[in-house]
Protein backbone atom coordinates (compact mmCIF):
# COMPACT_ATOMS: atom_id res chain seq x y z
CA UNK A 1 74.98 90.32 77.81
CA UNK A 2 76.55 93.38 78.61
CA UNK A 3 73.82 95.16 80.31
CA UNK A 4 73.76 92.60 82.56
CA UNK A 5 77.01 92.26 83.71
CA UNK A 6 77.20 95.93 84.08
CA UNK A 7 74.15 95.57 86.34
CA UNK A 8 76.11 92.98 88.17
CA UNK A 9 78.81 95.38 88.76
CA UNK A 10 76.98 97.79 90.35
CA UNK A 11 74.86 95.91 92.19
CA UNK A 12 77.92 94.10 93.83
CA UNK A 13 80.06 97.36 94.51
CA UNK A 14 77.01 98.50 96.20
CA UNK A 15 76.56 95.66 98.09
CA UNK A 16 80.32 95.63 98.81
CA UNK A 17 80.75 99.34 100.11
CA UNK A 18 77.66 98.89 102.26
CA UNK A 19 78.95 95.71 103.39
CA UNK A 20 82.42 97.39 104.40
CA UNK A 21 80.80 100.34 105.95
CA UNK A 22 78.85 98.46 108.36
CA UNK A 23 81.48 96.01 109.10
CA UNK A 24 83.84 99.31 109.89
CA UNK A 25 81.41 100.76 111.95
CA UNK A 26 80.42 98.34 114.15
CA UNK A 27 84.14 96.92 114.49
CA UNK A 28 85.16 100.26 116.22
CA UNK A 29 82.30 100.49 118.59
CA UNK A 30 83.48 96.67 119.99
CA UNK A 31 86.81 97.69 119.69
CA UNK A 32 86.07 100.74 122.27
CA UNK A 33 84.21 98.60 124.40
CA UNK A 34 87.19 96.57 124.80
CA UNK A 35 89.44 99.81 125.58
CA UNK A 36 91.59 100.01 122.44
CA UNK A 37 93.24 103.46 121.71
CA UNK A 38 90.86 105.75 119.45
CA UNK A 39 93.86 106.53 117.73
CA UNK A 40 95.25 103.17 117.06
CA UNK A 41 91.63 102.21 115.97
CA UNK A 42 92.10 105.45 113.50
CA UNK A 43 95.21 104.01 112.18
CA UNK A 44 94.41 100.56 111.70
CA UNK A 45 90.83 100.49 111.09
CA UNK A 46 90.16 103.49 108.52
CA UNK A 47 93.08 101.79 106.72
CA UNK A 48 91.79 98.35 106.72
CA UNK A 49 88.08 99.63 105.66
CA UNK A 50 89.24 101.55 103.01
CA UNK A 51 90.97 98.78 101.78
CA UNK A 52 88.41 95.77 102.53
CA UNK A 53 87.14 96.23 98.92
CA UNK A 54 90.59 95.53 97.52
CA UNK A 55 91.36 93.00 99.78
CA UNK A 56 87.84 91.09 99.05
CA UNK A 57 88.04 91.34 95.48
CA UNK A 58 91.99 90.54 95.16
CA UNK A 59 91.34 87.38 97.43
CA UNK A 60 88.52 85.92 95.66
CA UNK A 61 90.28 86.61 92.09
CA UNK A 62 93.28 84.35 93.11
CA UNK A 63 90.44 81.52 94.53
CA UNK A 64 88.77 81.90 91.05
CA UNK A 65 92.05 82.05 89.14
CA UNK A 66 92.16 85.15 87.82
CA UNK A 67 95.33 86.73 89.33
CA UNK A 68 95.84 89.53 86.63
CA UNK A 69 92.41 91.02 88.57
CA UNK A 70 93.82 90.18 92.02
CA UNK A 71 97.42 92.36 91.36
CA UNK A 72 95.64 94.89 88.66
CA UNK A 73 93.80 95.81 91.61
CA UNK A 74 96.48 96.32 93.73
CA UNK A 75 98.47 98.49 91.79
CA UNK A 76 95.33 100.48 90.03
CA UNK A 77 94.03 101.27 93.55
CA UNK A 78 97.23 102.71 94.85
CA UNK A 79 97.84 104.63 91.35
CA UNK A 80 93.93 105.98 91.57
CA UNK A 81 94.02 106.96 95.79
CA UNK A 82 97.02 109.20 94.86
CA UNK A 83 96.20 110.35 90.95
CA UNK A 84 92.36 110.76 91.36
CA UNK A 85 91.48 111.11 95.02
CA UNK A 86 94.49 113.09 96.40
CA UNK A 87 94.34 115.07 92.83
CA UNK A 88 91.38 115.95 93.59
CA UNK A 89 91.43 116.50 97.44
CA UNK A 90 94.22 119.09 96.56
CA UNK A 91 92.21 120.68 93.73
CA UNK A 92 89.38 121.22 96.01
CA UNK A 93 91.26 122.39 99.16
CA UNK A 94 93.50 124.58 97.13
CA UNK A 95 96.02 122.87 98.74
CA UNK A 96 96.77 120.31 101.60
CA UNK A 97 99.37 121.70 104.51
CA UNK A 98 101.85 118.31 105.51
CA UNK A 99 102.75 117.69 108.90
CA UNK A 100 105.88 116.05 110.28
CA UNK A 101 103.98 112.66 110.94
CA UNK A 102 102.34 112.62 107.66
CA UNK A 103 105.90 112.96 106.28
CA UNK A 104 107.24 110.57 107.77
CA UNK A 105 104.53 107.88 106.89
CA UNK A 106 104.98 109.36 103.45
CA UNK A 107 108.61 107.90 103.54
CA UNK A 108 107.30 104.29 105.00
CA UNK A 109 104.59 104.29 102.35
CA UNK A 110 108.19 104.81 99.45
CA UNK A 111 109.77 102.03 101.01
CA UNK A 112 106.89 99.60 101.04
CA UNK A 113 106.28 100.57 97.54
CA UNK A 114 110.02 99.78 96.74
CA UNK A 115 110.00 96.49 98.44
CA UNK A 116 107.07 95.57 97.14
CA UNK A 117 108.22 96.22 93.20
CA UNK A 118 111.76 94.23 94.22
CA UNK A 119 109.11 91.23 95.21
CA UNK A 120 106.65 92.11 92.26
CA UNK A 121 109.84 92.01 89.68
CA UNK A 122 109.97 88.42 89.37
CA UNK A 123 107.02 87.01 90.59
CA UNK A 124 105.01 87.10 93.60
CA UNK A 125 105.36 83.65 96.14
CA UNK A 126 103.63 82.69 98.86
CA UNK A 127 106.66 83.17 101.21
CA UNK A 128 106.99 87.21 99.74
CA UNK A 129 103.04 87.20 100.42
CA UNK A 130 103.39 86.12 104.24
CA UNK A 131 106.72 88.29 104.57
CA UNK A 132 104.74 91.68 103.82
CA UNK A 133 101.81 90.65 105.67
CA UNK A 134 104.10 90.17 108.81
CA UNK A 135 105.73 93.53 107.82
CA UNK A 136 102.12 95.23 108.26
CA UNK A 137 101.83 93.38 111.67
CA UNK A 138 105.42 94.61 112.43
CA UNK A 139 104.33 98.52 111.47
CA UNK A 140 100.79 98.39 113.26
CA UNK A 141 102.31 97.16 116.40
CA UNK A 142 105.49 99.82 115.85
CA UNK A 143 102.35 102.31 115.99
CA UNK A 144 100.67 100.74 118.89
CA UNK A 145 103.98 101.66 120.83
CA UNK A 146 104.19 105.34 119.94
CA UNK A 147 103.62 107.33 122.82
CA UNK A 148 101.50 109.73 120.94
CA UNK A 149 99.19 106.56 119.57
CA UNK A 150 99.06 105.26 122.71
CA UNK A 151 97.10 108.35 123.97
CA UNK A 152 93.23 108.49 124.67
CA UNK A 153 92.95 105.19 125.54
CA UNK A 154 88.96 104.45 126.64
CA UNK A 155 88.09 102.94 129.95
CA UNK A 156 86.60 99.47 128.90
CA UNK A 157 82.75 98.97 129.18
CA UNK A 158 81.72 95.41 127.72
CA UNK A 159 78.16 96.14 127.40
CA UNK A 160 76.66 92.73 126.58
CA UNK A 161 73.80 93.28 124.52
CA UNK A 162 75.71 96.15 122.21
CA UNK A 163 78.88 93.61 122.11
CA UNK A 164 76.45 91.17 120.78
CA UNK A 165 74.52 93.36 118.23
CA UNK A 166 78.04 94.89 117.27
CA UNK A 167 79.32 91.25 116.61
CA UNK A 168 76.05 90.43 114.44
CA UNK A 169 76.23 93.51 112.14
CA UNK A 170 79.83 92.81 111.85
CA UNK A 171 79.35 89.41 110.65
CA UNK A 172 76.97 90.68 108.42
CA UNK A 173 78.89 93.14 107.04
CA UNK A 174 81.72 91.06 106.10
CA UNK A 175 79.13 88.45 103.86
CA UNK A 176 78.00 91.70 102.06
CA UNK A 177 81.98 92.13 101.40
CA UNK A 178 81.97 88.60 100.22
CA UNK A 179 79.01 88.64 98.29
CA UNK A 180 79.91 91.86 96.49
CA UNK A 181 83.19 90.68 95.71
CA UNK A 182 81.92 87.89 93.90
CA UNK A 183 79.69 89.52 92.10
CA UNK A 184 82.10 92.31 91.18
CA UNK A 185 84.98 89.09 90.28
CA UNK A 186 81.99 87.32 87.71
CA UNK A 187 81.20 90.60 86.16
CA UNK A 188 84.87 92.05 85.51
CA UNK A 189 85.54 88.12 84.05
CA UNK A 190 83.12 88.28 81.53
CA UNK A 191 83.75 92.05 80.54
CA UNK A 192 87.20 91.17 79.83
CA UNK A 193 86.23 88.01 77.87
CA UNK A 194 83.11 90.04 76.08
CA UNK A 195 85.80 92.69 75.05
CA UNK A 196 88.89 90.61 74.54
CA UNK A 197 90.45 93.15 77.02
CA UNK A 198 93.03 91.08 79.19
CA UNK A 199 91.90 90.59 82.90
CA UNK A 200 94.94 92.74 84.05
CA UNK A 201 93.70 95.78 82.40
CA UNK A 202 90.25 95.50 83.77
CA UNK A 203 92.12 95.39 87.56
CA UNK A 204 93.71 98.35 86.95
CA UNK A 205 90.72 100.17 85.88
CA UNK A 206 87.39 99.38 86.14
CA UNK A 207 88.06 97.09 89.39
CA UNK A 208 90.82 99.48 91.03
CA UNK A 209 88.21 102.90 90.77
CA UNK A 210 85.24 100.53 91.69
CA UNK A 211 87.10 99.47 95.47
CA UNK A 212 88.68 102.75 95.43
CA UNK A 213 85.40 104.59 95.83
CA UNK A 214 86.02 104.47 100.04
CA UNK A 215 88.98 106.28 99.75
CA UNK A 216 87.51 108.66 97.02
CA UNK A 217 84.26 109.27 99.32
CA UNK A 218 86.59 109.79 102.65
CA UNK A 219 89.20 111.78 101.72
CA UNK A 220 86.96 114.26 98.97
CA UNK A 221 84.63 114.78 102.73
CA UNK A 222 87.53 115.62 104.52
CA UNK A 223 88.34 118.18 102.29
CA UNK A 224 85.50 119.56 101.65
CA UNK A 225 85.09 119.82 105.59
CA UNK A 226 88.89 121.54 105.72
CA UNK A 227 89.94 118.10 107.57
CA UNK A 228 92.81 117.68 105.29
CA UNK A 229 94.95 115.67 107.36
CA UNK A 230 92.54 112.87 107.21
CA UNK A 231 92.28 113.07 103.20
CA UNK A 232 96.38 112.74 103.34
CA UNK A 233 96.41 110.39 106.03
CA UNK A 234 93.97 108.41 104.60
CA UNK A 235 95.34 107.59 101.17
CA UNK A 236 98.97 106.95 102.40
CA UNK A 237 97.61 104.27 104.98
CA UNK A 238 95.71 102.88 102.37
CA UNK A 239 98.38 102.76 99.82
CA UNK A 240 100.65 100.90 102.76
CA UNK A 241 97.27 98.28 103.63
CA UNK A 242 97.17 97.60 99.73
CA UNK A 243 100.63 96.71 99.31
CA UNK A 244 101.56 94.94 102.41
CA UNK A 245 98.14 92.70 103.14
CA UNK A 246 95.95 92.81 100.17
CA UNK A 247 98.95 91.61 97.83
CA UNK A 248 100.67 89.40 100.72
CA UNK A 249 97.50 87.63 101.37
CA UNK A 250 96.69 87.02 97.59
CA UNK A 251 100.52 85.99 96.68
CA UNK A 252 100.25 83.90 100.29
CA UNK A 253 97.26 81.79 98.96
CA UNK A 254 99.17 81.06 95.54
CA UNK A 255 101.64 82.13 93.31
CA UNK A 256 101.31 85.13 91.01
CA UNK A 257 102.83 85.56 87.77
CA UNK A 258 103.54 89.51 86.60
CA UNK A 259 102.62 90.27 83.23
CA UNK A 260 105.05 91.66 81.31
CA UNK A 261 103.29 94.85 79.95
CA UNK A 262 102.61 95.58 84.20
CA UNK A 263 106.31 96.03 84.95
CA UNK A 264 106.84 98.22 82.18
CA UNK A 265 104.09 100.66 82.58
CA UNK A 266 101.97 100.26 85.17
CA UNK A 267 104.45 99.21 88.50
CA UNK A 268 106.87 102.69 87.08
CA UNK A 269 103.41 104.43 86.74
CA UNK A 270 102.81 103.71 90.50
CA UNK A 271 106.28 104.46 91.60
CA UNK A 272 106.17 107.90 90.07
CA UNK A 273 102.94 108.97 91.69
CA UNK A 274 104.56 108.03 94.94
CA UNK A 275 107.54 109.54 94.82
CA UNK A 276 105.60 112.83 93.20
CA UNK A 277 103.24 113.09 96.45
CA UNK A 278 106.40 111.91 98.66
CA UNK A 279 108.34 115.18 97.01
CA UNK A 280 105.50 117.49 97.10
CA UNK A 281 105.02 116.91 100.58
CA UNK A 282 108.96 117.41 101.49
CA UNK A 283 109.64 120.43 99.21
CA UNK A 284 106.42 122.31 99.39
CA UNK A 285 105.15 120.85 103.08
CA UNK A 286 101.83 121.03 101.42
CA UNK A 287 100.10 119.54 98.20
CA UNK A 288 98.85 122.33 96.33
CA UNK A 289 96.52 123.07 93.74
CA UNK A 290 99.03 123.03 91.14
CA UNK A 291 100.17 119.41 92.50
CA UNK A 292 96.72 118.05 92.29
CA UNK A 293 96.31 119.22 89.05
CA UNK A 294 99.64 117.49 87.96
CA UNK A 295 98.48 114.05 89.64
CA UNK A 296 95.04 113.94 88.16
CA UNK A 297 96.50 114.70 84.70
CA UNK A 298 98.98 111.83 85.25
CA UNK A 299 96.13 109.43 86.40
CA UNK A 300 94.13 110.60 82.95
CA UNK A 301 97.11 109.92 81.00
CA UNK A 302 97.37 106.52 82.69
CA UNK A 303 93.56 105.52 81.84
CA UNK A 304 94.10 106.73 78.50
CA UNK A 305 97.33 104.81 77.78
CA UNK A 306 96.20 101.57 78.97
CA UNK A 307 92.79 101.43 76.86
CA UNK A 308 93.96 102.96 73.82
CA UNK A 309 97.16 102.85 73.54
CA UNK A 310 98.83 100.16 75.87
């Protein structure tokens, strides 16, 4: 029944997001107790946290032999991050200022997007998956070696009781992510079958928006609190992580054949939104309210096309 599937999808989403939040909060505490830089924690854990739902759902989708949901989730999430999340954030703040360091990360996002598109063009293989994962590891290593990123290292203070408690809560959070992902994938498969909707479309829309809720919550909260840099950095970092780790891990498990419709419409839309974002950052040194309206309008158009015309 559709009501049951929708209910399971909603419950799975709540469990997934709560599990991801619990996992990250305690992983951050453990990392600090081990003397990891605050900035490195932010650059790695924040991106990992907001992309953890995408990672869990996409990897599980490959194991469940519905790769359309896996790849659709990655591309759809990146489209939603820029069009929906950043578009709304720019509109709410009436403009997001851009720093040079953020523009540099924007260029890296464009490069990663270009490489990902080249890889996607003739299908994803395990080799390409491992290359993407290796690229992410190299990127994180590069960040950790940057002088500004090595500042603020905290003293190693390991309290056995807190460390043990944090580890247990991390495991509980991780279990929540897996259970939530299982519910979401099963419900998505049933909904796609019931309405004869291609699994890729479900991944691009319903699943993508659901797993992008952490980015939406983080960026909108940051925008409302006038922490615009967090709103922008969160999206750029998450998009890089989605393409390199989420798509990389999915492809590393099993080769994924890419549907033609994805190459014709969805992949170009991801590239267009990414390019528009960096151009706004470069030319105007800010993501203005008008820019936000343009990004959000493109996203609404994308959703309309996927459900009614494509």
